[in-house]
Amino acid sequence: MTRRANIMNASANSNPAASTPADLTIDDVRTAAARIEGAVVKTPLMHSITLSEITGADIWLKFENLQFTAAYKERGALNALLQLTEEQRTRGVIAASAGNHSQGLSYHGTRLGVPVTIVMPKTTPTVKVMQTESVGGNVVLEGETFDEAHAHARELEIERGLTFVHPFDDPKIAAGQGTVALEMFAEKSDFDCIVTPIGGGGLISGMATVARALNPATEVIGVQAGLFPSMFAKIKGEQHDCGGDTLAEGIAVKKPGEFTSKVIAERVDDILLVGEPVLEKAVALLLQIEKTVVEGAGAAGLAAVLDNPERFKGKSIGLVLCGGNIDTRLLANVLLRDLARQGRLARLRVTLQDRPGALFKVMRLFDAHNVNIIEIYHQRIFTTLPAKGLITDIECEARDAEQVERLVTALRDAKYAVQVVELN
């Protein structure tokens, strides 16, 4: 068989449109678990007493953010790599990914001696490029979007005779991801439901396959970011716009999987959408309560429970913290915004007269109410006030929202015009 025929044959065999739910069974997941055993972390499943009290549900967390590359994606990537032929291993593999799949594939490919090429959009943050290269991946930057990077990867697949490893739309990948649920059910077999993030659908396809086989009574619920409801729209036969700056970039997929969508339609009970504020709250809660760093996609399951308290009240729920790769500056912003939403940080816009002692008098009220001033910003020029007026923005820190409210009342009683700058 010619090299060209080999490549075309491999592509045909991995065509996701040709795969059906019958190509992903509990036996496939069990075989994958045996295949990857010892090469990935068997992450802990832990009961969260505090999150259970907050949500009114019985919350169990699967800490996949503790994998070496901080994400569950290693499981599927390794399962696919271990099924390559000797010729495929020698030639190498290729993928298009700007996220956790690239790191998992690069890490295990390098460990196994398989050359790994990752095509990323030119817009990929430098930190993600460096992380992928640090674990052995050869990064090619091409295109402005993921779709353009994906198209280039498929071209290189043919040109170089490489094997394309899809980040989600492949039964081998989904079987590897399903080992997460296999470990969860081995420790606790009576979940009322498992709530799982959905991007392209690989993780929830594997998870749902395990749940349906081991405990058919367990409800399987998927979660997508409201800005990227691609699988939600496909399963429900609706039209929804996809796009925007979501905290959950790990599940920001515009085109869901062909194979995975078939599995989801058959084995998943429902898909919920969550907004950005509740995703931010979930990330902050997990850090504050569980002392664990989770990216936006990894917090999506908890976000759905927080956003739908009546639906999940009293139920035993398994949540996968599927990744912990979040930019530190972004994490800092999330935590500060959460403090603002709690009322512990506030920005007060006070109108003053531009005269000596004006700011000092305001500061005395802050001192009297024991509110800490973090930053002060004077605006004299670009205002609609008269020339002798000025606007002062004061960022401050309080014990709680009630303490800020008491300060605002005191300022207004002292005849100051005060506006509390709200966080969207």
Protein backbone atom coordinates (compact mmCIF):
# COMPACT_ATOMS: atom_id res chain seq x y z
CA MET A 1 0.00 0.00 0.00
CA THR A 2 1.37 3.45 -0.91
CA ARG A 3 2.15 6.16 1.65
CA ARG A 4 -0.77 8.24 0.30
CA ALA A 5 -3.12 5.27 0.60
CA ASN A 6 -1.93 4.63 4.15
CA ILE A 7 -2.71 8.22 5.12
CA MET A 8 -6.13 8.22 3.45
CA ASN A 9 -6.97 4.87 5.05
CA ALA A 10 -6.00 6.16 8.49
CA SER A 11 -8.10 9.29 7.97
CA ALA A 12 -11.10 7.25 6.90
CA ASN A 13 -10.81 4.98 9.93
CA SER A 14 -10.73 7.99 12.27
CA ASN A 15 -13.62 9.81 10.63
CA PRO A 16 -15.82 10.93 13.56
CA ALA A 17 -18.92 11.11 11.36
CA ALA A 18 -18.59 7.36 10.75
CA SER A 19 -18.37 6.51 14.45
CA THR A 20 -21.48 5.69 16.45
CA PRO A 21 -22.25 5.38 20.17
CA ALA A 22 -21.73 1.63 19.76
CA ASP A 23 -18.02 2.42 19.27
CA LEU A 24 -17.80 3.58 22.90
CA THR A 25 -18.70 1.04 25.57
CA ILE A 26 -17.93 0.46 29.23
CA ASP A 27 -15.49 -2.25 28.12
CA ASP A 28 -13.63 0.33 26.01
CA VAL A 29 -13.30 2.55 29.06
CA ARG A 30 -12.16 -0.34 31.25
CA THR A 31 -9.57 -1.34 28.65
CA ALA A 32 -8.39 2.26 28.48
CA ALA A 33 -8.07 2.34 32.27
CA ALA A 34 -5.87 -0.75 32.23
CA ARG A 35 -3.84 0.67 29.35
CA ILE A 36 -3.02 4.00 31.03
CA GLU A 37 -2.76 2.72 34.61
CA GLY A 38 0.32 4.00 36.39
CA ALA A 39 1.02 6.68 33.78
CA VAL A 40 -1.62 9.17 34.93
CA VAL A 41 -2.53 10.31 38.42
CA LYS A 42 -5.42 8.51 40.08
CA THR A 43 -6.79 11.77 41.42
CA PRO A 44 -8.71 11.97 44.70
CA LEU A 45 -12.49 12.08 45.03
CA MET A 46 -13.34 14.15 48.08
CA HIS A 47 -16.51 15.20 49.85
CA SER A 48 -16.83 18.96 50.33
CA ILE A 49 -18.63 19.70 53.58
CA THR A 50 -18.64 23.47 53.08
CA LEU A 51 -19.75 23.46 49.43
CA SER A 52 -22.48 21.00 50.40
CA GLU A 53 -23.71 23.47 53.03
CA ILE A 54 -23.59 26.37 50.56
CA THR A 55 -25.42 24.55 47.75
CA GLY A 56 -27.83 22.45 49.77
CA ALA A 57 -26.58 19.38 47.89
CA ASP A 58 -24.08 16.62 48.72
CA ILE A 59 -21.01 17.71 46.75
CA TRP A 60 -18.18 15.33 45.76
CA LEU A 61 -15.18 16.71 43.87
CA LYS A 62 -12.87 14.83 41.50
CA PHE A 63 -9.56 16.72 41.46
CA GLU A 64 -8.38 16.28 37.87
CA ASN A 65 -6.53 19.58 38.20
CA LEU A 66 -3.92 17.52 40.08
CA GLN A 67 -2.76 15.70 36.95
CA PHE A 68 0.83 16.46 35.90
CA THR A 69 -0.37 18.82 33.17
CA ALA A 70 -3.22 19.99 35.45
CA ALA A 71 -6.02 18.54 33.32
CA TYR A 72 -7.86 15.30 32.56
CA LYS A 73 -6.92 15.56 28.87
CA GLU A 74 -3.86 13.41 29.51
CA ARG A 75 -6.07 10.35 29.84
CA GLY A 76 -7.54 10.41 26.35
CA ALA A 77 -4.31 11.55 24.71
CA LEU A 78 -2.35 8.70 26.28
CA ASN A 79 -5.01 6.12 25.41
CA ALA A 80 -4.83 7.21 21.76
CA LEU A 81 -1.02 7.26 21.70
CA LEU A 82 -0.76 3.74 23.10
CA GLN A 83 -2.89 2.39 20.21
CA LEU A 84 -0.66 3.74 17.43
CA THR A 85 1.12 1.33 15.13
CA GLU A 86 4.91 1.28 15.18
CA GLU A 87 5.00 3.21 11.89
CA GLN A 88 2.64 5.85 13.25
CA ARG A 89 4.74 6.22 16.41
CA THR A 90 7.88 6.69 14.33
CA ARG A 91 6.34 9.31 12.03
CA GLY A 92 4.67 11.16 14.90
CA VAL A 93 1.32 12.72 15.68
CA ILE A 94 -0.26 16.11 15.16
CA ALA A 95 -3.10 18.02 16.78
CA ALA A 96 -4.68 21.45 16.74
CA SER A 97 -5.10 22.80 20.23
CA ALA A 98 -4.39 25.92 22.25
CA GLY A 99 -5.25 24.29 25.53
CA ASN A 100 -4.91 21.24 27.74
CA HIS A 101 -4.97 18.66 24.93
CA SER A 102 -1.75 20.06 23.52
CA GLN A 103 0.06 19.68 26.84
CA GLY A 104 -1.27 16.19 27.58
CA LEU A 105 -0.40 14.92 24.11
CA SER A 106 3.03 16.56 24.14
CA TYR A 107 3.92 15.29 27.60
CA HIS A 108 2.99 11.66 26.99
CA GLY A 109 4.20 11.68 23.39
CA THR A 110 7.63 12.85 24.52
CA ARG A 111 7.64 10.30 27.34
CA LEU A 112 6.87 7.52 24.83
CA GLY A 113 9.32 8.75 22.20
CA VAL A 114 6.57 9.83 19.77
CA PRO A 115 7.22 13.17 17.98
CA VAL A 116 4.33 15.59 18.63
CA THR A 117 3.44 18.61 16.52
CA ILE A 118 0.83 21.06 17.83
CA VAL A 119 -0.70 23.71 15.59
CA MET A 120 -1.90 26.76 17.51
CA PRO A 121 -3.45 30.04 16.33
CA LYS A 122 -1.05 32.97 16.23
CA THR A 123 -3.26 34.62 18.84
CA THR A 124 -2.47 31.93 21.45
CA PRO A 125 -1.10 33.45 24.69
CA THR A 126 2.66 33.02 24.94
CA VAL A 127 2.34 31.20 28.26
CA LYS A 128 0.38 28.36 26.59
CA VAL A 129 2.95 28.06 23.81
CA MET A 130 5.74 27.89 26.37
CA GLN A 131 3.91 25.33 28.51
CA THR A 132 3.40 23.05 25.50
CA GLU A 133 7.01 23.38 24.39
CA SER A 134 8.25 22.76 27.93
CA VAL A 135 6.74 19.25 27.88
CA GLY A 136 8.20 18.40 24.46
CA GLY A 137 5.68 19.61 21.89
CA ASN A 138 6.81 21.17 18.59
CA VAL A 139 4.53 24.19 18.23
CA VAL A 140 3.53 25.58 14.83
CA LEU A 141 1.68 28.92 14.90
CA GLU A 142 -0.76 29.32 12.04
CA GLY A 143 -3.96 31.28 11.47
CA GLU A 144 -5.87 33.79 13.56
CA THR A 145 -8.53 31.36 14.81
CA PHE A 146 -8.72 27.76 16.01
CA ASP A 147 -10.54 26.76 12.81
CA GLU A 148 -7.64 28.06 10.70
CA ALA A 149 -5.12 26.27 12.92
CA HIS A 150 -7.16 23.05 12.66
CA ALA A 151 -7.28 23.28 8.86
CA HIS A 152 -3.50 23.74 8.73
CA ALA A 153 -2.98 20.75 11.03
CA ARG A 154 -4.99 18.55 8.68
CA GLU A 155 -2.82 19.77 5.77
CA LEU A 156 0.37 18.92 7.66
CA GLU A 157 -1.12 15.53 8.55
CA ILE A 158 -1.19 14.66 4.84
CA GLU A 159 2.04 16.39 3.85
CA ARG A 160 4.16 14.81 6.59
CA GLY A 161 2.37 11.50 7.00
CA LEU A 162 1.45 12.23 10.60
CA THR A 163 -1.43 10.80 12.62
CA PHE A 164 -4.02 13.35 13.68
CA VAL A 165 -5.14 13.04 17.30
CA HIS A 166 -8.43 14.86 17.77
CA PRO A 167 -8.91 16.64 21.10
CA PHE A 168 -12.40 15.17 21.62
CA ASP A 169 -14.18 13.71 18.60
CA ASP A 170 -12.74 10.20 18.71
CA PRO A 171 -13.91 7.06 20.56
CA LYS A 172 -10.33 6.41 21.77
CA ILE A 173 -10.13 9.87 23.30
CA ALA A 174 -13.58 9.61 24.89
CA ALA A 175 -12.76 6.17 26.32
CA GLY A 176 -9.66 7.60 27.97
CA GLN A 177 -11.61 10.51 29.40
CA GLY A 178 -14.25 8.11 30.71
CA THR A 179 -11.69 6.64 33.10
CA VAL A 180 -12.38 9.69 35.28
CA ALA A 181 -15.90 8.40 35.93
CA LEU A 182 -14.66 4.83 36.34
CA GLU A 183 -12.50 5.98 39.26
CA MET A 184 -15.35 8.03 40.72
CA PHE A 185 -17.89 5.19 40.66
CA ALA A 186 -15.31 2.79 42.11
CA GLU A 187 -15.25 4.96 45.24
CA LYS A 188 -18.91 6.01 45.31
CA SER A 189 -21.44 4.09 43.28
CA ASP A 190 -24.65 5.89 44.27
CA PHE A 191 -24.40 9.38 42.79
CA ASP A 192 -27.79 10.91 42.09
CA CYS A 193 -26.16 12.85 39.27
CA ILE A 194 -22.85 13.82 37.75
CA VAL A 195 -22.48 17.34 36.36
CA THR A 196 -19.80 17.63 33.71
CA PRO A 197 -18.45 20.48 31.53
CA ILE A 198 -18.95 20.20 27.78
CA GLY A 199 -16.71 21.72 25.15
CA GLY A 200 -16.45 19.34 22.23
CA GLY A 201 -17.99 16.53 24.26
CA GLY A 202 -15.19 14.00 24.81
CA LEU A 203 -15.25 14.04 28.61
CA ILE A 204 -19.00 13.81 29.07
CA SER A 205 -19.28 11.10 26.39
CA GLY A 206 -16.92 8.88 28.37
CA MET A 207 -18.45 9.84 31.72
CA ALA A 208 -22.00 9.18 30.52
CA THR A 209 -21.01 5.80 29.09
CA VAL A 210 -19.69 4.74 32.49
CA ALA A 211 -22.69 6.12 34.37
CA ARG A 212 -25.21 4.38 32.12
CA ALA A 213 -23.42 1.05 32.57
CA LEU A 214 -22.68 1.17 36.31
CA ASN A 215 -25.70 3.04 37.65
CA PRO A 216 -28.42 3.82 35.09
CA ALA A 217 -30.33 5.77 37.74
CA THR A 218 -27.58 8.39 37.88
CA GLU A 219 -28.61 11.54 36.03
CA VAL A 220 -25.95 12.87 33.63
CA ILE A 221 -26.00 16.63 33.13
CA GLY A 222 -23.70 18.66 30.92
CA VAL A 223 -22.71 22.29 31.34
CA GLN A 224 -21.68 24.84 28.75
CA ALA A 225 -20.67 28.49 29.01
CA GLY A 226 -23.58 30.68 27.96
CA LEU A 227 -21.37 32.43 25.40
CA PHE A 228 -20.56 29.09 23.69
CA PRO A 229 -23.74 26.95 23.69
CA SER A 230 -22.70 24.90 20.66
CA MET A 231 -23.55 21.40 21.91
CA PHE A 232 -26.67 22.73 23.66
CA ALA A 233 -27.88 24.14 20.35
CA LYS A 234 -26.98 21.02 18.35
CA ILE A 235 -28.73 18.61 20.70
CA LYS A 236 -31.84 20.78 21.04
CA GLY A 237 -31.97 21.67 17.34
CA GLU A 238 -31.80 25.39 18.03
CA GLN A 239 -29.81 28.31 16.67
CA HIS A 240 -27.54 30.13 19.12
CA ASP A 241 -24.70 32.58 18.62
CA CYS A 242 -21.29 31.37 19.82
CA GLY A 243 -18.56 33.80 20.71
CA GLY A 244 -17.15 36.18 23.27
CA ASP A 245 -14.55 36.37 26.01
CA THR A 246 -15.50 33.60 28.39
CA LEU A 247 -13.61 32.66 31.52
CA ALA A 248 -14.21 29.03 30.49
CA GLU A 249 -12.06 29.10 27.36
CA GLY A 250 -11.39 25.38 27.78
CA ILE A 251 -14.99 24.65 26.73
CA ALA A 252 -15.33 27.53 24.28
CA VAL A 253 -15.98 25.33 21.25
CA LYS A 254 -17.95 26.68 18.29
CA LYS A 255 -18.28 23.37 16.45
CA PRO A 256 -19.16 20.39 18.66
CA GLY A 257 -18.06 16.86 17.84
CA GLU A 258 -19.95 14.73 15.34
CA PHE A 259 -19.32 11.48 17.18
CA THR A 260 -19.65 12.97 20.67
CA SER A 261 -22.93 14.69 19.84
CA LYS A 262 -24.42 11.27 18.98
CA VAL A 263 -23.29 9.86 22.32
CA ILE A 264 -24.60 12.88 24.21
CA ALA A 265 -27.97 12.72 22.47
CA GLU A 266 -28.29 9.09 23.57
CA ARG A 267 -26.75 9.10 27.06
CA VAL A 268 -26.93 12.61 28.55
CA ASP A 269 -30.11 13.77 30.29
CA ASP A 270 -29.76 17.54 29.94
CA ILE A 271 -27.41 20.41 29.20
CA LEU A 272 -27.37 23.62 31.26
CA LEU A 273 -25.88 26.99 30.36
CA VAL A 274 -24.04 29.18 32.87
CA GLY A 275 -23.12 32.86 32.72
CA GLU A 276 -19.79 34.53 33.40
CA PRO A 277 -20.55 35.89 36.91
CA VAL A 278 -21.40 32.43 38.29
CA LEU A 279 -18.31 30.92 36.62
CA GLU A 280 -16.21 33.55 38.38
CA LYS A 281 -17.94 32.81 41.67
CA ALA A 282 -17.29 29.07 41.30
CA VAL A 283 -13.57 29.58 40.61
CA ALA A 284 -13.30 31.87 43.64
CA LEU A 285 -15.20 29.49 45.93
CA LEU A 286 -13.03 26.53 45.00
CA LEU A 287 -9.89 28.49 45.80
CA GLN A 288 -11.25 29.98 49.02
CA ILE A 289 -12.92 26.83 50.36
CA GLU A 290 -11.06 23.89 48.84
CA LYS A 291 -7.72 25.73 48.45
CA THR A 292 -7.47 24.44 44.90
CA VAL A 293 -6.82 26.39 41.67
CA VAL A 294 -9.34 25.58 38.95
CA GLU A 295 -9.74 27.17 35.51
CA GLY A 296 -13.10 28.46 34.32
CA ALA A 297 -14.01 25.27 32.46
CA GLY A 298 -13.08 23.18 35.50
CA ALA A 299 -15.46 25.18 37.68
CA ALA A 300 -18.42 24.92 35.26
CA GLY A 301 -20.02 21.97 37.09
CA LEU A 302 -20.07 23.81 40.41
CA ALA A 303 -21.31 26.94 38.62
CA ALA A 304 -24.32 24.99 37.30
CA VAL A 305 -25.17 23.72 40.80
CA LEU A 306 -24.86 27.23 42.26
CA ASP A 307 -27.04 28.62 39.47
CA ASN A 308 -29.79 25.98 39.84
CA PRO A 309 -30.15 25.37 43.60
CA GLU A 310 -33.68 23.95 43.49
CA ARG A 311 -32.82 21.46 40.78
CA PHE A 312 -29.93 19.97 42.74
CA LYS A 313 -31.13 20.42 46.32
CA GLY A 314 -30.58 17.31 48.45
CA LYS A 315 -28.90 15.33 45.67
CA SER A 316 -25.57 13.54 45.78
CA ILE A 317 -23.54 15.16 43.01
CA GLY A 318 -20.21 14.25 41.42
CA LEU A 319 -18.29 17.19 39.93
CA VAL A 320 -15.10 16.98 37.89
CA LEU A 321 -12.59 19.78 38.42
CA CYS A 322 -11.32 19.05 34.95
CA GLY A 323 -8.48 21.57 34.72
CA GLY A 324 -6.37 24.02 36.67
CA ASN A 325 -4.56 25.94 33.93
CA ILE A 326 -5.57 29.54 34.51
CA ASP A 327 -3.44 32.60 33.96
CA THR A 328 -2.36 34.03 37.32
CA ARG A 329 -3.31 37.60 36.41
CA LEU A 330 -6.75 36.44 35.31
CA LEU A 331 -7.14 34.49 38.54
CA ALA A 332 -6.24 37.62 40.51
CA ASN A 333 -8.92 39.57 38.62
CA VAL A 334 -11.51 36.88 39.33
CA LEU A 335 -10.75 36.91 43.05
CA LEU A 336 -10.87 40.70 43.31
CA ARG A 337 -14.14 40.85 41.35
CA ASP A 338 -15.58 38.25 43.69
CA LEU A 339 -14.65 40.40 46.69
CA ALA A 340 -16.39 43.32 44.98
CA ARG A 341 -19.55 41.30 44.42
CA GLN A 342 -19.52 40.33 48.09
CA GLY A 343 -19.28 44.01 49.03
CA ARG A 344 -15.88 43.60 50.64
CA LEU A 345 -14.31 45.80 47.99
CA ALA A 346 -16.07 48.92 46.75
CA ARG A 347 -15.48 51.99 44.64
CA LEU A 348 -17.24 55.15 45.80
CA ARG A 349 -17.48 58.15 43.47
CA VAL A 350 -17.68 61.30 45.59
CA THR A 351 -18.22 64.84 44.30
CA LEU A 352 -16.08 67.40 46.15
CA GLN A 353 -15.26 71.07 46.00
CA ASP A 354 -11.69 71.75 44.89
CA ARG A 355 -10.43 73.45 48.03
CA PRO A 356 -7.90 72.67 50.78
CA GLY A 357 -9.06 70.13 53.32
CA ALA A 358 -11.96 68.81 51.23
CA LEU A 359 -10.47 65.32 50.82
CA PHE A 360 -9.27 65.26 54.44
CA LYS A 361 -12.83 65.74 55.70
CA VAL A 362 -14.01 62.77 53.64
CA MET A 363 -11.12 60.65 54.94
CA ARG A 364 -12.25 61.29 58.51
CA LEU A 365 -15.57 59.57 57.74
CA PHE A 366 -13.75 56.56 56.29
CA ASP A 367 -11.66 56.41 59.48
CA ALA A 368 -14.74 56.70 61.69
CA HIS A 369 -16.32 53.70 59.96
CA ASN A 370 -13.07 51.68 59.97
CA VAL A 371 -13.10 51.30 56.15
CA ASN A 372 -9.64 50.87 54.62
CA ILE A 373 -8.74 53.04 51.63
CA ILE A 374 -6.86 51.19 48.89
CA GLU A 375 -6.61 53.80 46.13
CA ILE A 376 -7.77 57.36 45.40
CA TYR A 377 -8.22 58.89 41.96
CA HIS A 378 -8.97 62.63 41.44
CA GLN A 379 -10.61 63.81 38.22
CA ARG A 380 -10.64 67.58 37.72
CA ILE A 381 -10.58 68.03 33.94
CA PHE A 382 -12.84 65.52 32.21
CA THR A 383 -16.03 66.11 34.19
CA THR A 384 -19.33 67.90 33.67
CA LEU A 385 -18.86 69.72 36.97
CA PRO A 386 -18.05 73.43 37.28
CA ALA A 387 -14.36 74.38 37.23
CA LYS A 388 -14.19 74.38 41.04
CA GLY A 389 -15.64 70.89 41.32
CA LEU A 390 -13.91 67.53 41.14
CA ILE A 391 -14.81 63.86 41.18
CA THR A 392 -12.91 61.52 43.48
CA ASP A 393 -13.03 57.75 43.02
CA ILE A 394 -12.11 55.97 46.23
CA GLU A 395 -11.47 52.22 46.18
CA CYS A 396 -11.89 50.79 49.65
CA GLU A 397 -11.98 47.56 51.61
CA ALA A 398 -14.58 46.70 54.26
CA ARG A 399 -15.62 43.75 56.39
CA ASP A 400 -18.87 43.33 54.44
CA ALA A 401 -21.41 45.16 52.29
CA GLU A 402 -23.31 46.45 55.34
CA GLN A 403 -20.22 48.31 56.56
CA VAL A 404 -19.92 50.04 53.17
CA GLU A 405 -23.61 50.93 53.24
CA ARG A 406 -23.20 52.58 56.64
CA LEU A 407 -20.30 54.64 55.31
CA VAL A 408 -22.29 55.73 52.24
CA THR A 409 -25.19 56.78 54.47
CA ALA A 410 -22.82 58.84 56.64
CA LEU A 411 -21.31 60.53 53.57
CA ARG A 412 -24.75 61.44 52.25
CA ASP A 413 -25.83 62.69 55.67
CA ALA A 414 -22.80 64.98 55.50
CA LYS A 415 -24.21 66.35 52.22
CA TYR A 416 -21.76 64.61 49.88
CA ALA A 417 -22.98 63.33 46.51
CA VAL A 418 -21.94 59.64 46.49
CA GLN A 419 -22.32 57.01 43.80
CA VAL A 420 -21.42 53.35 44.35
CA VAL A 421 -19.75 52.14 41.17
CA GLU A 422 -21.38 48.80 40.39
CA LEU A 423 -19.59 45.73 38.99
CA ASN A 424 -21.29 44.21 35.94
